Amino acid sequence: MDVWALLLIPIITCVTIVFITLKWKNLSSFLSIAAVIACFLIVLPYLIEALGNPHMQGYEQAFTWLKVKGLRIEIGTFIDSLTVVMLCIVTFVGSLIHIYARGYMEGEEGFSRFFACLSFFIFAMLGIVLANNLIMIFIFWELVGLASYLLIGYYYQKPSAADAAKKAFLVNRVGDFGLILGIFVIYYATGTFNFGEIEHQVMAGHVAPETIGLAALLLFCGAVGKSAQFPLHVWLPDAMEGPTPVSALIHAATMVAAGVYLLVRVSFLFYMAPPVAGLVVAYVGGLTALMAALMALAQSDIKKIIAYSTLS
């Protein structure tokens, strides 16, 4: 039950702030901070276990969400050493940024709204990390996109901030189109969305290497959008229009790491795919790293320098 609490605590906090404590700014901020710290405390026992046993056995909990003829979709969580590392990043860094934002955003209009959006973002990120299947990852992937849109456009009265939020949202949808196509290809080839079942079929040689390569590259499209790699890198520097804590939370710590997390979670696809799939990832990453580092040299805005360094 404590695993499900990681999802319930931040979303309940978000709803509470929006519908009950919106007028009480201090209470709203303290609720949001307490929620993310509580999530970090829940993760700690798993971290201690993972440190003692790097190859810890995965914990999986799931229930059927939708079942029709020939299709079963489940909502479930899966915790292994990879999950624990990412959970620690999201909750620990998120806690620090929440505490910092408490002082940084003092006196701003929409103070409570800001912390409601932060809690919603933490909920969506934890959903990506905990998901045990591709459909659940896709749902939370889109919710992270919504949260980033709300946070980047926090100063929505400023045309530049509103435009940056729209740009981030639309550019990410381009990558997400590739992601959902990849999910369809995998389901067509394996008949399941569950990571464990997909890995078993792929490693057993039940899927053609060409199909695996196509699925891997399509999933990589989603990572290219979320992690702002070439050619979908254009949204990240403009996204610095959001408040500085947002820049730290989304663009330097958690959201940009979601693309990397997705690739590591489906790394078995790249192991079994033709070598060209890995080469594409390597060339895109190398080109982005070099290009973004060179572009950072020509910037005078410190936040954009940080954005390009994140890309690199």
Protein backbone atom coordinates (compact mmCIF):
# COMPACT_ATOMS: atom_id res chain seq x y z
CA MET A 1 0.00 0.00 0.00
CA ASP A 2 2.90 2.37 0.69
CA VAL A 3 3.81 2.27 -3.03
CA TRP A 4 0.34 3.47 -4.01
CA ALA A 5 0.67 6.16 -1.34
CA LEU A 6 3.46 7.68 -3.44
CA LEU A 7 0.82 8.46 -6.06
CA LEU A 8 -2.08 9.26 -3.73
CA ILE A 9 -0.29 11.75 -1.45
CA PRO A 10 0.71 14.35 -4.08
CA ILE A 11 -2.54 14.20 -6.08
CA ILE A 12 -4.67 14.47 -2.91
CA THR A 13 -2.50 17.44 -1.88
CA CYS A 14 -3.04 19.09 -5.26
CA VAL A 15 -6.83 18.64 -5.07
CA THR A 16 -6.88 19.88 -1.45
CA ILE A 17 -4.99 23.06 -2.34
CA VAL A 18 -7.19 23.78 -5.37
CA PHE A 19 -10.54 23.23 -3.67
CA ILE A 20 -9.94 23.96 0.02
CA THR A 21 -6.78 25.89 0.95
CA LEU A 22 -6.34 28.11 -2.12
CA LYS A 23 -6.99 31.27 -0.07
CA TRP A 24 -4.48 30.32 2.63
CA LYS A 25 -1.09 30.65 0.96
CA ASN A 26 1.11 29.50 3.83
CA LEU A 27 -1.03 26.45 4.52
CA SER A 28 -1.01 25.51 0.83
CA SER A 29 2.77 25.71 0.59
CA PHE A 30 3.33 23.74 3.80
CA LEU A 31 0.91 21.03 2.62
CA SER A 32 2.80 20.68 -0.67
CA ILE A 33 6.20 20.57 1.05
CA ALA A 34 4.97 18.02 3.62
CA ALA A 35 3.56 15.81 0.83
CA VAL A 36 6.80 15.56 -1.14
CA ILE A 37 8.86 14.99 2.02
CA ALA A 38 6.43 12.23 3.02
CA CYS A 39 6.99 10.62 -0.39
CA PHE A 40 10.76 10.76 0.15
CA LEU A 41 10.39 9.08 3.56
CA ILE A 42 8.34 6.29 1.95
CA VAL A 43 11.12 5.74 -0.62
CA LEU A 44 13.91 5.57 1.99
CA PRO A 45 13.38 1.91 3.06
CA TYR A 46 13.53 0.84 -0.59
CA LEU A 47 16.73 2.86 -1.03
CA ILE A 48 18.33 1.14 1.98
CA GLU A 49 17.34 -2.25 0.55
CA ALA A 50 18.71 -1.35 -2.90
CA LEU A 51 22.03 -0.20 -1.41
CA GLY A 52 22.37 -3.49 0.39
CA ASN A 53 21.32 -5.48 -2.66
CA PRO A 54 21.89 -3.74 -6.03
CA HIS A 55 20.15 -6.64 -7.78
CA MET A 56 17.09 -6.48 -5.56
CA GLN A 57 14.10 -8.50 -6.67
CA GLY A 58 11.43 -6.30 -8.23
CA TYR A 59 8.15 -5.70 -6.43
CA GLU A 60 5.11 -5.62 -8.71
CA GLN A 61 1.51 -4.82 -7.83
CA ALA A 62 -1.21 -4.50 -10.45
CA PHE A 63 -4.93 -4.69 -11.06
CA THR A 64 -6.96 -4.87 -14.27
CA TRP A 65 -8.24 -1.48 -15.38
CA LEU A 66 -9.79 -2.39 -18.73
CA LYS A 67 -10.54 -5.78 -20.24
CA VAL A 68 -12.24 -6.38 -23.56
CA LYS A 69 -11.91 -9.16 -26.10
CA GLY A 70 -8.25 -9.47 -27.03
CA LEU A 71 -7.14 -6.50 -24.91
CA ARG A 72 -6.23 -6.20 -21.24
CA ILE A 73 -4.87 -2.99 -19.74
CA GLU A 74 -3.69 -2.87 -16.15
CA ILE A 75 -2.72 -0.18 -13.68
CA GLY A 76 0.30 -1.32 -11.74
CA THR A 77 3.56 -0.42 -10.05
CA PHE A 78 6.99 -2.00 -10.32
CA ILE A 79 9.91 -1.25 -8.01
CA ASP A 80 13.47 -2.43 -8.67
CA SER A 81 16.87 -0.80 -8.17
CA LEU A 82 16.39 1.42 -11.25
CA THR A 83 13.01 2.60 -9.99
CA VAL A 84 14.43 3.35 -6.54
CA VAL A 85 17.21 5.56 -7.97
CA MET A 86 14.72 7.62 -9.96
CA LEU A 87 12.24 7.80 -7.07
CA CYS A 88 15.00 9.22 -4.87
CA ILE A 89 15.89 11.84 -7.48
CA VAL A 90 12.28 12.96 -7.91
CA THR A 91 11.37 13.05 -4.21
CA PHE A 92 14.65 14.29 -2.71
CA VAL A 93 15.38 16.97 -5.31
CA GLY A 94 11.67 17.79 -5.39
CA SER A 95 11.70 18.32 -1.61
CA LEU A 96 14.64 20.73 -1.82
CA ILE A 97 13.03 22.69 -4.65
CA HIS A 98 9.69 22.88 -2.81
CA ILE A 99 11.44 24.30 0.26
CA TYR A 100 13.42 26.77 -1.86
CA ALA A 101 10.27 27.84 -3.73
CA ARG A 102 8.54 28.59 -0.42
CA GLY A 103 10.83 31.61 -0.01
CA TYR A 104 11.50 32.40 -3.67
CA MET A 105 7.81 32.74 -4.60
CA GLU A 106 6.86 34.76 -1.50
CA GLY A 107 4.54 37.62 -2.45
CA GLU A 108 3.78 36.29 -5.94
CA GLU A 109 0.22 36.22 -7.22
CA GLY A 110 -1.08 32.69 -7.53
CA PHE A 111 1.23 31.42 -4.75
CA SER A 112 -1.14 28.58 -3.82
CA ARG A 113 -1.73 27.75 -7.50
CA PHE A 114 2.02 27.36 -7.96
CA PHE A 115 2.30 24.77 -5.18
CA ALA A 116 -0.77 22.93 -6.46
CA CYS A 117 0.94 22.64 -9.85
CA LEU A 118 4.17 21.45 -8.19
CA SER A 119 2.29 18.69 -6.37
CA PHE A 120 0.57 17.70 -9.61
CA PHE A 121 3.95 17.54 -11.35
CA ILE A 122 5.41 15.31 -8.62
CA PHE A 123 2.36 13.02 -8.92
CA ALA A 124 2.83 12.71 -12.69
CA MET A 125 6.59 12.10 -12.48
CA LEU A 126 6.16 9.42 -9.81
CA GLY A 127 3.56 7.79 -12.04
CA ILE A 128 6.08 7.50 -14.88
CA VAL A 129 8.71 6.02 -12.58
CA LEU A 130 6.41 3.50 -10.89
CA ALA A 131 4.55 2.31 -14.03
CA ASN A 132 4.83 -1.39 -14.82
CA ASN A 133 3.44 -1.09 -18.35
CA LEU A 134 3.63 1.15 -21.40
CA ILE A 135 0.03 2.41 -21.30
CA MET A 136 0.42 3.67 -17.73
CA ILE A 137 3.73 5.33 -18.65
CA PHE A 138 2.04 7.05 -21.60
CA ILE A 139 -0.82 8.37 -19.43
CA PHE A 140 1.56 9.87 -16.88
CA TRP A 141 3.90 11.01 -19.66
CA GLU A 142 1.08 13.23 -20.95
CA LEU A 143 0.20 14.42 -17.44
CA VAL A 144 3.83 15.54 -17.00
CA GLY A 145 3.41 17.48 -20.24
CA LEU A 146 0.31 19.16 -18.83
CA ALA A 147 2.09 19.99 -15.56
CA SER A 148 5.05 21.50 -17.40
CA TYR A 149 2.66 23.59 -19.52
CA LEU A 150 1.02 24.98 -16.37
CA LEU A 151 4.35 25.69 -14.65
CA ILE A 152 6.20 27.17 -17.63
CA GLY A 153 3.20 29.42 -18.27
CA TYR A 154 2.88 30.43 -14.61
CA TYR A 155 3.30 34.12 -15.59
CA TYR A 156 0.60 33.71 -18.21
CA GLN A 157 0.05 37.49 -18.41
CA LYS A 158 3.46 37.74 -20.13
CA PRO A 159 3.15 36.89 -23.84
CA SER A 160 6.66 35.35 -23.82
CA ALA A 161 5.74 32.97 -20.98
CA ALA A 162 2.45 31.97 -22.59
CA ASP A 163 4.22 31.34 -25.91
CA ALA A 164 6.96 29.31 -24.21
CA ALA A 165 4.35 27.10 -22.51
CA LYS A 166 2.56 26.47 -25.80
CA LYS A 167 5.84 25.77 -27.57
CA ALA A 168 6.92 23.23 -24.95
CA PHE A 169 3.52 21.53 -25.07
CA LEU A 170 3.34 21.29 -28.87
CA VAL A 171 6.96 20.23 -29.48
CA ASN A 172 6.60 17.45 -26.93
CA ARG A 173 3.49 16.21 -28.70
CA VAL A 174 5.60 15.59 -31.81
CA GLY A 175 7.84 13.22 -29.85
CA ASP A 176 4.85 11.68 -28.10
CA PHE A 177 3.33 10.73 -31.46
CA GLY A 178 6.38 8.57 -32.08
CA LEU A 179 6.11 7.15 -28.56
CA ILE A 180 2.52 5.99 -29.01
CA LEU A 181 3.35 4.47 -32.40
CA GLY A 182 6.17 2.55 -30.67
CA ILE A 183 3.71 1.30 -28.05
CA PHE A 184 1.37 0.07 -30.82
CA VAL A 185 4.26 -1.73 -32.58
CA ILE A 186 5.29 -3.48 -29.36
CA TYR A 187 1.73 -4.53 -28.58
CA TYR A 188 1.24 -5.83 -32.13
CA ALA A 189 4.43 -7.89 -31.82
CA THR A 190 4.01 -9.20 -28.26
CA GLY A 191 0.32 -8.86 -27.34
CA THR A 192 1.12 -7.18 -24.02
CA PHE A 193 2.03 -3.80 -22.53
CA ASN A 194 3.72 -5.18 -19.39
CA PHE A 195 7.48 -4.55 -19.27
CA GLY A 196 8.31 -7.93 -17.76
CA GLU A 197 6.25 -9.86 -20.32
CA ILE A 198 7.64 -7.79 -23.21
CA GLU A 199 11.22 -8.40 -22.04
CA HIS A 200 10.59 -12.14 -21.72
CA GLN A 201 9.28 -12.40 -25.29
CA VAL A 202 11.99 -10.17 -26.78
CA MET A 203 14.87 -11.93 -25.01
CA ALA A 204 13.44 -15.34 -25.95
CA GLY A 205 13.63 -14.38 -29.63
CA HIS A 206 9.87 -14.37 -30.28
CA VAL A 207 10.00 -10.93 -31.97
CA ALA A 208 11.78 -10.18 -35.25
CA PRO A 209 14.91 -7.98 -34.83
CA GLU A 210 13.58 -5.48 -37.41
CA THR A 211 10.36 -5.04 -35.41
CA ILE A 212 12.36 -4.58 -32.21
CA GLY A 213 14.54 -1.94 -33.90
CA LEU A 214 11.50 -0.05 -35.20
CA ALA A 215 9.83 -0.10 -31.77
CA ALA A 216 13.03 1.03 -30.04
CA LEU A 217 13.49 4.01 -32.38
CA LEU A 218 9.83 5.04 -32.07
CA LEU A 219 10.07 4.96 -28.26
CA PHE A 220 13.27 6.98 -28.60
CA CYS A 221 11.19 9.69 -30.31
CA GLY A 222 9.34 10.18 -27.01
CA ALA A 223 12.63 10.50 -25.16
CA VAL A 224 13.92 12.99 -27.76
CA GLY A 225 10.92 15.23 -27.03
CA LYS A 226 10.91 14.97 -23.25
CA SER A 227 14.69 15.19 -22.86
CA ALA A 228 14.92 17.95 -25.49
CA GLN A 229 17.33 16.27 -27.90
CA PHE A 230 17.95 17.38 -31.49
CA PRO A 231 15.77 18.22 -33.42
CA LEU A 232 13.14 18.67 -30.66
CA HIS A 233 15.49 20.68 -28.43
CA VAL A 234 13.95 24.05 -29.30
CA TRP A 235 11.44 24.17 -26.44
CA LEU A 236 13.82 23.93 -23.48
CA PRO A 237 15.66 27.30 -23.60
CA ASP A 238 12.36 29.18 -24.03
CA ALA A 239 10.86 27.20 -21.13
CA MET A 240 13.12 29.19 -18.78
CA GLU A 241 10.33 31.80 -18.83
CA GLY A 242 8.86 29.91 -15.87
CA PRO A 243 9.91 30.74 -12.30
CA THR A 244 13.43 29.62 -11.35
CA PRO A 245 12.22 26.73 -9.10
CA VAL A 246 10.31 25.41 -12.12
CA SER A 247 13.46 25.56 -14.22
CA ALA A 248 15.29 23.58 -11.55
CA LEU A 249 12.54 21.00 -11.07
CA ILE A 250 11.60 20.38 -14.68
CA HIS A 251 14.61 21.20 -16.77
CA ALA A 252 17.61 20.34 -14.62
CA ALA A 253 16.45 17.51 -12.39
CA THR A 254 13.39 15.43 -13.15
CA MET A 255 11.33 15.92 -16.31
CA VAL A 256 14.33 15.97 -18.66
CA ALA A 257 15.55 12.79 -16.96
CA ALA A 258 12.25 11.06 -17.77
CA GLY A 259 13.37 10.40 -21.34
CA VAL A 260 16.56 8.79 -20.11
CA TYR A 261 14.57 6.71 -17.62
CA LEU A 262 12.28 5.44 -20.39
CA LEU A 263 15.23 4.32 -22.51
CA VAL A 264 16.87 2.53 -19.59
CA ARG A 265 13.59 0.82 -18.71
CA VAL A 266 13.30 -0.56 -22.28
CA SER A 267 17.05 -1.05 -22.76
CA PHE A 268 16.48 -4.73 -23.56
CA LEU A 269 14.97 -3.58 -26.87
CA PHE A 270 18.24 -1.94 -27.86
CA TYR A 271 20.20 -5.04 -26.81
CA MET A 272 18.19 -7.18 -29.21
CA ALA A 273 17.66 -4.60 -31.99
CA PRO A 274 19.94 -4.27 -35.03
CA PRO A 275 23.03 -2.10 -34.28
CA VAL A 276 21.63 0.82 -36.29
CA ALA A 277 19.14 1.57 -33.48
CA GLY A 278 21.94 2.15 -30.96
CA LEU A 279 23.89 4.16 -33.51
CA VAL A 280 20.94 6.50 -34.06
CA VAL A 281 20.69 7.14 -30.32
CA ALA A 282 24.45 7.69 -30.07
CA TYR A 283 24.59 10.12 -33.02
CA VAL A 284 21.56 12.11 -31.83
CA GLY A 285 22.99 12.33 -28.31
CA GLY A 286 26.47 13.26 -29.51
CA LEU A 287 25.20 15.90 -31.93
CA THR A 288 22.93 17.41 -29.26
CA ALA A 289 25.74 17.49 -26.68
CA LEU A 290 28.15 19.28 -29.02
CA MET A 291 25.58 21.64 -30.52
CA ALA A 292 24.06 22.68 -27.18
CA ALA A 293 27.49 23.27 -25.61
CA LEU A 294 28.47 25.55 -28.51
CA MET A 295 25.15 27.43 -28.35
CA ALA A 296 25.62 27.96 -24.60
CA LEU A 297 28.86 29.85 -25.31
CA ALA A 298 26.90 32.56 -27.12
CA GLN A 299 24.29 33.12 -24.40
CA SER A 300 24.25 36.02 -21.94
CA ASP A 301 21.17 34.88 -19.94
CA ILE A 302 22.36 32.57 -17.14
CA LYS A 303 19.12 30.56 -17.18
CA LYS A 304 19.51 29.85 -20.89
CA ILE A 305 23.12 28.83 -20.32
CA ILE A 306 21.84 26.32 -17.75
CA ALA A 307 19.18 25.16 -20.25
CA TYR A 308 21.78 24.45 -22.92
CA SER A 309 24.08 22.75 -20.42
CA THR A 310 21.14 20.51 -19.49
CA LEU A 311 20.69 19.65 -23.17
CA SER A 312 24.38 18.89 -23.50
